[in-house]
N, C-alpha and C. Protein backbone atom coordinates (compact mmCIF):
# COMPACT_ATOMS: atom_id res chain seq x y z
N MET A 1 -13.84 -39.68 -50.84
CA MET A 1 -15.26 -39.55 -50.63
C MET A 1 -15.62 -38.27 -49.90
N HIS A 2 -14.59 -37.57 -49.34
CA HIS A 2 -14.80 -36.31 -48.63
C HIS A 2 -13.82 -35.27 -49.15
N ASP A 3 -14.23 -34.00 -49.06
CA ASP A 3 -13.32 -32.93 -49.47
C ASP A 3 -12.43 -32.52 -48.29
N ALA A 4 -11.66 -31.46 -48.47
CA ALA A 4 -10.72 -31.01 -47.44
C ALA A 4 -11.41 -30.61 -46.14
N ASP A 5 -12.67 -30.19 -46.24
CA ASP A 5 -13.45 -29.80 -45.05
C ASP A 5 -14.26 -30.97 -44.49
N GLU A 6 -13.95 -32.17 -44.94
CA GLU A 6 -14.65 -33.40 -44.51
C GLU A 6 -16.13 -33.43 -44.91
N LYS A 7 -16.50 -32.63 -45.92
CA LYS A 7 -17.85 -32.66 -46.46
C LYS A 7 -17.94 -33.82 -47.45
N GLN A 8 -18.99 -34.63 -47.34
CA GLN A 8 -19.16 -35.79 -48.22
C GLN A 8 -19.36 -35.33 -49.66
N ILE A 9 -18.60 -35.93 -50.58
CA ILE A 9 -18.70 -35.60 -52.01
C ILE A 9 -19.63 -36.59 -52.72
N PHE A 10 -19.46 -37.88 -52.43
CA PHE A 10 -20.23 -38.94 -53.07
C PHE A 10 -20.99 -39.74 -52.02
N ASP A 11 -22.18 -40.21 -52.39
CA ASP A 11 -22.94 -41.10 -51.51
C ASP A 11 -22.34 -42.51 -51.57
N THR A 12 -22.05 -42.97 -52.78
CA THR A 12 -21.56 -44.32 -53.00
C THR A 12 -20.54 -44.32 -54.13
N ILE A 13 -19.51 -45.13 -53.97
CA ILE A 13 -18.55 -45.35 -55.05
C ILE A 13 -18.72 -46.80 -55.50
N ILE A 14 -18.93 -46.98 -56.81
CA ILE A 14 -19.11 -48.32 -57.35
C ILE A 14 -17.92 -48.64 -58.25
N VAL A 15 -17.22 -49.72 -57.90
CA VAL A 15 -16.09 -50.20 -58.69
C VAL A 15 -16.65 -51.26 -59.63
N ILE A 16 -16.62 -50.98 -60.94
CA ILE A 16 -17.26 -51.85 -61.92
C ILE A 16 -16.20 -52.46 -62.85
N THR A 17 -16.32 -53.77 -63.06
CA THR A 17 -15.47 -54.45 -64.02
C THR A 17 -16.35 -55.19 -65.03
N ASP A 18 -15.72 -55.64 -66.11
CA ASP A 18 -16.49 -56.39 -67.11
C ASP A 18 -16.04 -57.85 -67.22
N ARG A 19 -15.14 -58.27 -66.34
CA ARG A 19 -14.66 -59.65 -66.37
C ARG A 19 -14.64 -60.22 -64.96
N CYS A 20 -15.08 -61.46 -64.84
CA CYS A 20 -15.17 -62.11 -63.53
C CYS A 20 -13.81 -62.27 -62.86
N VAL A 21 -12.76 -62.57 -63.63
CA VAL A 21 -11.43 -62.76 -63.04
C VAL A 21 -10.95 -61.45 -62.44
N VAL A 22 -11.10 -60.37 -63.18
CA VAL A 22 -10.69 -59.05 -62.68
C VAL A 22 -11.57 -58.66 -61.49
N ASP A 23 -12.86 -58.99 -61.57
CA ASP A 23 -13.78 -58.68 -60.48
C ASP A 23 -13.33 -59.37 -59.19
N ASN A 24 -12.96 -60.63 -59.26
CA ASN A 24 -12.49 -61.35 -58.07
C ASN A 24 -11.25 -60.70 -57.48
N GLN A 25 -10.33 -60.27 -58.33
CA GLN A 25 -9.12 -59.61 -57.86
C GLN A 25 -9.45 -58.28 -57.20
N LEU A 26 -10.35 -57.51 -57.81
CA LEU A 26 -10.76 -56.22 -57.24
C LEU A 26 -11.51 -56.40 -55.93
N GLN A 27 -12.35 -57.42 -55.84
CA GLN A 27 -13.08 -57.67 -54.61
C GLN A 27 -12.11 -57.92 -53.45
N LYS A 28 -11.08 -58.72 -53.71
CA LYS A 28 -10.09 -58.99 -52.67
C LYS A 28 -9.36 -57.71 -52.27
N ALA A 29 -9.01 -56.89 -53.26
CA ALA A 29 -8.31 -55.64 -52.98
C ALA A 29 -9.19 -54.68 -52.18
N VAL A 30 -10.44 -54.56 -52.57
CA VAL A 30 -11.37 -53.66 -51.87
C VAL A 30 -11.60 -54.13 -50.44
N LEU A 31 -11.80 -55.44 -50.28
CA LEU A 31 -12.03 -55.97 -48.93
C LEU A 31 -10.81 -55.86 -48.04
N SER A 32 -9.62 -55.77 -48.65
CA SER A 32 -8.41 -55.66 -47.83
C SER A 32 -8.24 -54.25 -47.25
N LEU A 33 -9.02 -53.29 -47.74
CA LEU A 33 -8.96 -51.93 -47.20
C LEU A 33 -9.47 -51.96 -45.76
N GLU A 34 -8.86 -51.17 -44.93
CA GLU A 34 -9.34 -51.06 -43.55
C GLU A 34 -10.71 -50.39 -43.58
N HIS A 35 -11.69 -51.03 -42.97
CA HIS A 35 -13.04 -50.46 -43.00
C HIS A 35 -13.89 -50.98 -41.85
N THR A 36 -14.98 -50.28 -41.63
CA THR A 36 -15.94 -50.72 -40.61
C THR A 36 -17.01 -51.57 -41.30
N ASP A 37 -17.68 -52.41 -40.51
CA ASP A 37 -18.73 -53.26 -41.06
C ASP A 37 -19.81 -52.43 -41.73
N GLY A 38 -20.28 -52.89 -42.90
CA GLY A 38 -21.34 -52.21 -43.62
C GLY A 38 -20.87 -51.14 -44.57
N LEU A 39 -19.60 -50.83 -44.57
CA LEU A 39 -19.06 -49.78 -45.45
C LEU A 39 -18.86 -50.30 -46.86
N ILE A 40 -18.39 -51.55 -46.99
CA ILE A 40 -18.05 -52.13 -48.28
C ILE A 40 -18.91 -53.35 -48.54
N ARG A 41 -19.38 -53.49 -49.79
CA ARG A 41 -20.13 -54.68 -50.19
C ARG A 41 -19.61 -55.13 -51.55
N VAL A 42 -19.19 -56.38 -51.65
CA VAL A 42 -18.78 -56.93 -52.94
C VAL A 42 -19.92 -57.81 -53.46
N MET A 43 -20.19 -57.68 -54.73
CA MET A 43 -21.22 -58.46 -55.39
C MET A 43 -20.55 -59.67 -56.02
N ASP A 44 -20.41 -60.75 -55.24
CA ASP A 44 -19.74 -61.94 -55.75
C ASP A 44 -20.68 -62.76 -56.63
N GLU A 45 -20.24 -63.96 -57.01
CA GLU A 45 -21.03 -64.79 -57.93
C GLU A 45 -22.37 -65.22 -57.34
N ASN A 46 -22.54 -65.11 -56.04
CA ASN A 46 -23.81 -65.47 -55.40
C ASN A 46 -24.80 -64.31 -55.36
N CYS A 47 -24.36 -63.13 -55.74
CA CYS A 47 -25.21 -61.94 -55.69
C CYS A 47 -25.91 -61.74 -57.03
N THR A 48 -27.08 -61.13 -56.96
CA THR A 48 -27.89 -60.86 -58.15
C THR A 48 -28.00 -59.35 -58.37
N SER A 49 -28.65 -58.99 -59.47
CA SER A 49 -28.93 -57.58 -59.73
C SER A 49 -29.77 -56.98 -58.61
N LYS A 50 -30.65 -57.78 -58.03
CA LYS A 50 -31.48 -57.31 -56.91
C LYS A 50 -30.62 -56.96 -55.71
N ASP A 51 -29.56 -57.76 -55.46
CA ASP A 51 -28.64 -57.46 -54.35
C ASP A 51 -27.90 -56.14 -54.62
N LEU A 52 -27.50 -55.92 -55.87
CA LEU A 52 -26.84 -54.67 -56.23
C LEU A 52 -27.78 -53.49 -56.05
N GLU A 53 -29.00 -53.65 -56.52
CA GLU A 53 -30.01 -52.59 -56.36
C GLU A 53 -30.21 -52.26 -54.89
N SER A 54 -30.30 -53.28 -54.06
CA SER A 54 -30.49 -53.09 -52.62
C SER A 54 -29.31 -52.36 -51.99
N ALA A 55 -28.09 -52.75 -52.35
CA ALA A 55 -26.89 -52.11 -51.80
C ALA A 55 -26.84 -50.63 -52.18
N ILE A 56 -27.20 -50.32 -53.42
CA ILE A 56 -27.21 -48.91 -53.86
C ILE A 56 -28.26 -48.13 -53.08
N ASN A 57 -29.46 -48.68 -52.97
CA ASN A 57 -30.55 -47.99 -52.28
C ASN A 57 -30.31 -47.86 -50.78
N LYS A 58 -29.55 -48.78 -50.19
CA LYS A 58 -29.24 -48.71 -48.76
C LYS A 58 -28.11 -47.73 -48.48
N GLY A 59 -27.42 -47.27 -49.52
CA GLY A 59 -26.35 -46.30 -49.32
C GLY A 59 -25.03 -46.92 -48.89
N ILE A 60 -24.79 -48.18 -49.26
CA ILE A 60 -23.48 -48.78 -48.99
C ILE A 60 -22.43 -47.87 -49.64
N LYS A 61 -21.37 -47.56 -48.93
CA LYS A 61 -20.41 -46.55 -49.39
C LYS A 61 -19.53 -47.02 -50.56
N ILE A 62 -19.06 -48.27 -50.54
CA ILE A 62 -18.21 -48.79 -51.61
C ILE A 62 -18.77 -50.13 -52.05
N ILE A 63 -19.05 -50.25 -53.36
CA ILE A 63 -19.60 -51.48 -53.93
C ILE A 63 -18.70 -51.92 -55.07
N ALA A 64 -18.33 -53.21 -55.09
CA ALA A 64 -17.56 -53.78 -56.19
C ALA A 64 -18.45 -54.78 -56.91
N THR A 65 -18.57 -54.65 -58.23
CA THR A 65 -19.48 -55.51 -58.99
C THR A 65 -19.04 -55.60 -60.45
N THR A 66 -19.73 -56.47 -61.19
CA THR A 66 -19.51 -56.55 -62.63
C THR A 66 -20.61 -55.76 -63.34
N ILE A 67 -20.31 -55.31 -64.54
CA ILE A 67 -21.26 -54.53 -65.33
C ILE A 67 -22.51 -55.35 -65.68
N GLN A 68 -22.36 -56.66 -65.70
CA GLN A 68 -23.47 -57.53 -66.09
C GLN A 68 -24.67 -57.44 -65.14
N LYS A 69 -24.47 -56.98 -63.93
CA LYS A 69 -25.59 -56.89 -62.98
C LYS A 69 -26.45 -55.64 -63.20
N PHE A 70 -25.96 -54.66 -63.93
CA PHE A 70 -26.69 -53.41 -64.09
C PHE A 70 -27.93 -53.46 -64.99
N PRO A 71 -27.92 -54.16 -66.12
CA PRO A 71 -29.09 -54.10 -67.00
C PRO A 71 -30.40 -54.58 -66.36
N ASN A 72 -30.33 -55.40 -65.33
CA ASN A 72 -31.53 -55.94 -64.72
C ASN A 72 -32.05 -55.13 -63.53
N ILE A 73 -31.41 -54.03 -63.23
CA ILE A 73 -31.87 -53.20 -62.12
C ILE A 73 -33.07 -52.38 -62.57
N LYS A 74 -34.14 -52.49 -61.81
CA LYS A 74 -35.40 -51.84 -62.18
C LYS A 74 -35.65 -50.53 -61.43
N ASP A 75 -35.26 -50.48 -60.17
CA ASP A 75 -35.67 -49.36 -59.33
C ASP A 75 -34.52 -48.87 -58.46
N ILE A 76 -33.73 -47.96 -58.99
CA ILE A 76 -32.68 -47.34 -58.20
C ILE A 76 -33.22 -46.01 -57.71
N GLU A 77 -33.26 -45.87 -56.38
CA GLU A 77 -33.81 -44.65 -55.80
C GLU A 77 -32.87 -43.46 -55.96
N LYS A 78 -31.57 -43.74 -56.02
CA LYS A 78 -30.60 -42.66 -56.14
C LYS A 78 -30.08 -42.59 -57.56
N LYS A 79 -29.67 -41.41 -57.96
CA LYS A 79 -29.07 -41.22 -59.28
C LYS A 79 -27.67 -41.85 -59.28
N VAL A 80 -27.40 -42.66 -60.30
CA VAL A 80 -26.10 -43.29 -60.42
C VAL A 80 -25.37 -42.62 -61.57
N LEU A 81 -24.20 -42.08 -61.30
CA LEU A 81 -23.37 -41.46 -62.31
C LEU A 81 -22.26 -42.42 -62.66
N ILE A 82 -22.26 -42.89 -63.90
CA ILE A 82 -21.23 -43.85 -64.34
C ILE A 82 -20.32 -43.16 -65.33
């Protein structure tokens, strides 16, 4: 997320899967990374497209989600490069 001079390269990294089983495995792997509170957000089965939209707009650094949540997002303030 940073270059050699510690300059930020990306605002947010989104880990996207297309299957719930793989998504659950990735969520566990992402959450196992050493991190501070608020850095990582996983979009589990209780989360909606609105939760994903909110996480992106709040600038959460690492988000893990399924592709199925993207079509319903109406208002992303930041440009998302997929």
